């Protein structure tokens, strides 16, 4: 879909009716810095969907229907500094879901339905 756009820096796909993201859909966007997927109908994120976005700084997935996050869903996002997952339906988090996000500075999880138990807190231990 995004062939010939390897220099693209910002992609705003917000306020559409996107429900799924196929693995490889962003493969040609190696220079992308900001990806806005907010206000869609995304319920699941396939493992590896963001693999080729090594330059990405900001990812907005707010106001979707995401229920859970697979362990390796954010692999490859080594430069990601801001991740917005607010206003979804996330009920729990794997303890290693954010491990690959070594540059992460801002994480928004507000307005989800996280169960406040020890496992969710463990997901953030290495950020403290």
C-alpha atoms as a PDB file:
ATOM      1  CA  UNK A   1       0.000   0.000   0.000  1.00  0.00           C
ATOM      2  CA  UNK A   2       2.780   2.425   0.923  1.00  0.00           C
ATOM      3  CA  UNK A   3       5.267   1.509  -1.804  1.00  0.00           C
ATOM      4  CA  UNK A   4       7.525   4.329  -2.982  1.00  0.00           C
ATOM      5  CA  UNK A   5       7.042   6.262   0.300  1.00  0.00           C
ATOM      6  CA  UNK A   6      10.276   5.329   2.037  1.00  0.00           C
ATOM      7  CA  UNK A   7      10.963   9.008   2.910  1.00  0.00           C
ATOM      8  CA  UNK A   8       7.606   9.530   4.629  1.00  0.00           C
ATOM      9  CA  UNK A   9       8.028  10.899   8.187  1.00  0.00           C
ATOM     10  CA  UNK A  10       4.428  11.210   9.437  1.00  0.00           C
ATOM     11  CA  UNK A  11       1.452   8.979   8.688  1.00  0.00           C
ATOM     12  CA  UNK A  12      -1.952   9.907  10.119  1.00  0.00           C
ATOM     13  CA  UNK A  13      -4.523   7.130   9.741  1.00  0.00           C
ATOM     14  CA  UNK A  14      -6.680   8.312  12.631  1.00  0.00           C
ATOM     15  CA  UNK A  15     -10.482   8.442  12.548  1.00  0.00           C
ATOM     16  CA  UNK A  16     -10.934   5.749   9.946  1.00  0.00           C
ATOM     17  CA  UNK A  17     -12.573   2.391  10.413  1.00  0.00           C
ATOM     18  CA  UNK A  18      -9.412   0.307  10.444  1.00  0.00           C
ATOM     19  CA  UNK A  19     -10.040  -2.946  12.283  1.00  0.00           C
ATOM     20  CA  UNK A  20      -6.952  -4.993  11.399  1.00  0.00           C
ATOM     21  CA  UNK A  21      -3.330  -4.334  10.523  1.00  0.00           C
ATOM     22  CA  UNK A  22      -1.681  -7.018   8.442  1.00  0.00           C
ATOM     23  CA  UNK A  23       1.922  -7.937   9.083  1.00  0.00           C
ATOM     24  CA  UNK A  24       4.123  -6.149   6.538  1.00  0.00           C
ATOM     25  CA  UNK A  25       1.713  -3.265   5.861  1.00  0.00           C
ATOM     26  CA  UNK A  26       4.346  -0.741   7.044  1.00  0.00           C
ATOM     27  CA  UNK A  27       7.421  -2.478   5.595  1.00  0.00           C
ATOM     28  CA  UNK A  28       8.264   0.292   3.110  1.00  0.00           C
ATOM     29  CA  UNK A  29       8.127   3.079   5.714  1.00  0.00           C
ATOM     30  CA  UNK A  30      11.608   2.830   7.176  1.00  0.00           C
ATOM     31  CA  UNK A  31      11.911   6.624   7.768  1.00  0.00           C
ATOM     32  CA  UNK A  32       8.577   7.025   9.557  1.00  0.00           C
ATOM     33  CA  UNK A  33       8.800   8.996  12.818  1.00  0.00           C
ATOM     34  CA  UNK A  34       5.135   9.321  13.802  1.00  0.00           C
ATOM     35  CA  UNK A  35       2.284   6.863  13.207  1.00  0.00           C
ATOM     36  CA  UNK A  36      -1.214   7.849  14.322  1.00  0.00           C
ATOM     37  CA  UNK A  37      -3.733   5.006  14.355  1.00  0.00           C
ATOM     38  CA  UNK A  38      -6.024   6.553  16.962  1.00  0.00           C
ATOM     39  CA  UNK A  39      -9.816   6.468  16.828  1.00  0.00           C
ATOM     40  CA  UNK A  40     -10.163   3.324  14.763  1.00  0.00           C
ATOM     41  CA  UNK A  41     -11.584  -0.121  15.492  1.00  0.00           C
ATOM     42  CA  UNK A  42      -8.357  -2.058  15.988  1.00  0.00           C
ATOM     43  CA  UNK A  43      -8.920  -4.943  18.398  1.00  0.00           C
ATOM     44  CA  UNK A  44      -5.737  -6.990  17.983  1.00  0.00           C
ATOM     45  CA  UNK A  45      -2.184  -6.281  16.906  1.00  0.00           C
ATOM     46  CA  UNK A  46      -0.409  -9.032  15.024  1.00  0.00           C
ATOM     47  CA  UNK A  47       3.058  -9.932  16.237  1.00  0.00           C
ATOM     48  CA  UNK A  48       5.590  -8.243  13.943  1.00  0.00           C
ATOM     49  CA  UNK A  49       3.231  -5.642  12.485  1.00  0.00           C
ATOM     50  CA  UNK A  50       5.658  -2.850  13.471  1.00  0.00           C
ATOM     51  CA  UNK A  51       8.932  -4.745  12.832  1.00  0.00           C
ATOM     52  CA  UNK A  52      10.215  -2.514  10.028  1.00  0.00           C
ATOM     53  CA  UNK A  53       9.534   0.802  11.778  1.00  0.00           C
ATOM     54  CA  UNK A  54      12.950   1.116  13.407  1.00  0.00           C
ATOM     55  CA  UNK A  55      12.928   4.957  13.179  1.00  0.00           C
ATOM     56  CA  UNK A  56       9.489   5.413  14.753  1.00  0.00           C
ATOM     57  CA  UNK A  57       9.429   7.865  17.703  1.00  0.00           C
ATOM     58  CA  UNK A  58       5.696   8.105  18.385  1.00  0.00           C
ATOM     59  CA  UNK A  59       2.912   5.547  18.059  1.00  0.00           C
ATOM     60  CA  UNK A  60      -0.671   6.494  18.876  1.00  0.00           C
ATOM     61  CA  UNK A  61      -3.086   3.576  19.279  1.00  0.00           C
ATOM     62  CA  UNK A  62      -5.506   5.398  21.566  1.00  0.00           C
ATOM     63  CA  UNK A  63      -9.277   5.082  21.296  1.00  0.00           C
ATOM     64  CA  UNK A  64      -9.365   1.662  19.698  1.00  0.00           C
ATOM     65  CA  UNK A  65     -10.741  -1.685  20.867  1.00  0.00           C
ATOM     66  CA  UNK A  66      -7.470  -3.364  21.874  1.00  0.00           C
ATOM     67  CA  UNK A  67      -8.065  -6.009  24.533  1.00  0.00           C
ATOM     68  CA  UNK A  68      -4.577  -7.479  24.982  1.00  0.00           C
ATOM     69  CA  UNK A  69      -1.024  -7.114  23.712  1.00  0.00           C
ATOM     70  CA  UNK A  70       1.072 -10.036  22.521  1.00  0.00           C
ATOM     71  CA  UNK A  71       4.550 -10.377  23.962  1.00  0.00           C
ATOM     72  CA  UNK A  72       6.550  -9.390  20.845  1.00  0.00           C
ATOM     73  CA  UNK A  73       4.094  -6.947  19.293  1.00  0.00           C
ATOM     74  CA  UNK A  74       6.467  -3.978  19.742  1.00  0.00           C
ATOM     75  CA  UNK A  75       9.667  -5.716  18.619  1.00  0.00           C
ATOM     76  CA  UNK A  76      11.769  -3.553  16.321  1.00  0.00           C
ATOM     77  CA  UNK A  77      10.604  -0.236  17.786  1.00  0.00           C
ATOM     78  CA  UNK A  78      13.990   0.595  19.297  1.00  0.00           C
ATOM     79  CA  UNK A  79      13.593   4.380  18.880  1.00  0.00           C
ATOM     80  CA  UNK A  80      10.021   4.624  20.192  1.00  0.00           C
ATOM     81  CA  UNK A  81       9.754   7.336  22.854  1.00  0.00           C
ATOM     82  CA  UNK A  82       5.985   7.806  23.128  1.00  0.00           C
ATOM     83  CA  UNK A  83       3.355   5.058  23.097  1.00  0.00           C
ATOM     84  CA  UNK A  84      -0.306   5.937  23.614  1.00  0.00           C
ATOM     85  CA  UNK A  85      -2.599   3.008  24.409  1.00  0.00           C
ATOM     86  CA  UNK A  86      -5.173   5.035  26.325  1.00  0.00           C
ATOM     87  CA  UNK A  87      -8.914   4.489  25.969  1.00  0.00           C
ATOM     88  CA  UNK A  88      -8.801   0.873  24.870  1.00  0.00           C
ATOM     89  CA  UNK A  89     -10.143  -2.281  26.499  1.00  0.00           C
ATOM     90  CA  UNK A  90      -6.849  -3.651  27.825  1.00  0.00           C
ATOM     91  CA  UNK A  91      -7.492  -5.879  30.832  1.00  0.00           C
ATOM     92  CA  UNK A  92      -4.028  -7.294  31.476  1.00  0.00           C
ATOM     93  CA  UNK A  93      -0.407  -6.965  30.399  1.00  0.00           C
ATOM     94  CA  UNK A  94       2.299  -9.578  29.957  1.00  0.00           C
ATOM     95  CA  UNK A  95       5.299  -8.729  32.114  1.00  0.00           C
ATOM     96  CA  UNK A  96       7.599  -8.502  29.080  1.00  0.00           C
ATOM     97  CA  UNK A  97       5.359  -6.659  26.623  1.00  0.00           C
ATOM     98  CA  UNK A  98       7.394  -3.427  26.790  1.00  0.00           C
ATOM     99  CA  UNK A  99      10.878  -4.969  27.149  1.00  0.00           C
ATOM    100  CA  UNK A 100      11.989  -4.124  23.593  1.00  0.00           C
ATOM    101  CA  UNK A 101      11.065  -0.453  24.008  1.00  0.00           C
ATOM    102  CA  UNK A 102      14.422   0.645  25.392  1.00  0.00           C
ATOM    103  CA  UNK A 103      13.948   4.322  24.389  1.00  0.00           C
ATOM    104  CA  UNK A 104      10.411   4.652  25.770  1.00  0.00           C
ATOM    105  CA  UNK A 105       9.891   7.853  27.762  1.00  0.00           C
ATOM    106  CA  UNK A 106       6.093   8.275  27.787  1.00  0.00           C
ATOM    107  CA  UNK A 107       3.539   5.473  28.076  1.00  0.00           C
ATOM    108  CA  UNK A 108      -0.176   6.225  28.267  1.00  0.00           C
ATOM    109  CA  UNK A 109      -2.467   3.472  29.548  1.00  0.00           C
ATOM    110  CA  UNK A 110      -5.214   5.585  31.071  1.00  0.00           C
ATOM    111  CA  UNK A 111      -8.890   4.720  30.602  1.00  0.00           C
ATOM    112  CA  UNK A 112      -8.362   0.994  30.125  1.00  0.00           C
ATOM    113  CA  UNK A 113      -9.700  -1.736  32.394  1.00  0.00           C
ATOM    114  CA  UNK A 114      -6.436  -3.037  33.825  1.00  0.00           C
ATOM    115  CA  UNK A 115      -6.702  -5.287  36.838  1.00  0.00           C
ATOM    116  CA  UNK A 116      -4.391  -3.871  39.471  1.00  0.00           C
ATOM    117  CA  UNK A 117      -2.588  -7.001  40.503  1.00  0.00           C
ATOM    118  CA  UNK A 118       1.088  -7.795  40.929  1.00  0.00           C
ATOM    119  CA  UNK A 119       1.550  -9.053  37.355  1.00  0.00           C
ATOM    120  CA  UNK A 120       0.654  -5.702  35.801  1.00  0.00           C
ATOM    121  CA  UNK A 121       3.002  -3.898  38.153  1.00  0.00           C
ATOM    122  CA  UNK A 122       5.844  -6.269  37.206  1.00  0.00           C
ATOM    123  CA  UNK A 123       5.492  -5.126  33.586  1.00  0.00           C
ATOM    124  CA  UNK A 124       6.879  -1.749  34.672  1.00  0.00           C
ATOM    125  CA  UNK A 125       9.541  -2.773  37.199  1.00  0.00           C
ATOM    126  CA  UNK A 126      12.526  -2.025  34.964  1.00  0.00           C
ATOM    127  CA  UNK A 127      11.255   1.524  34.311  1.00  0.00           C
ATOM    128  CA  UNK A 128      11.394   2.457  38.001  1.00  0.00           C
END
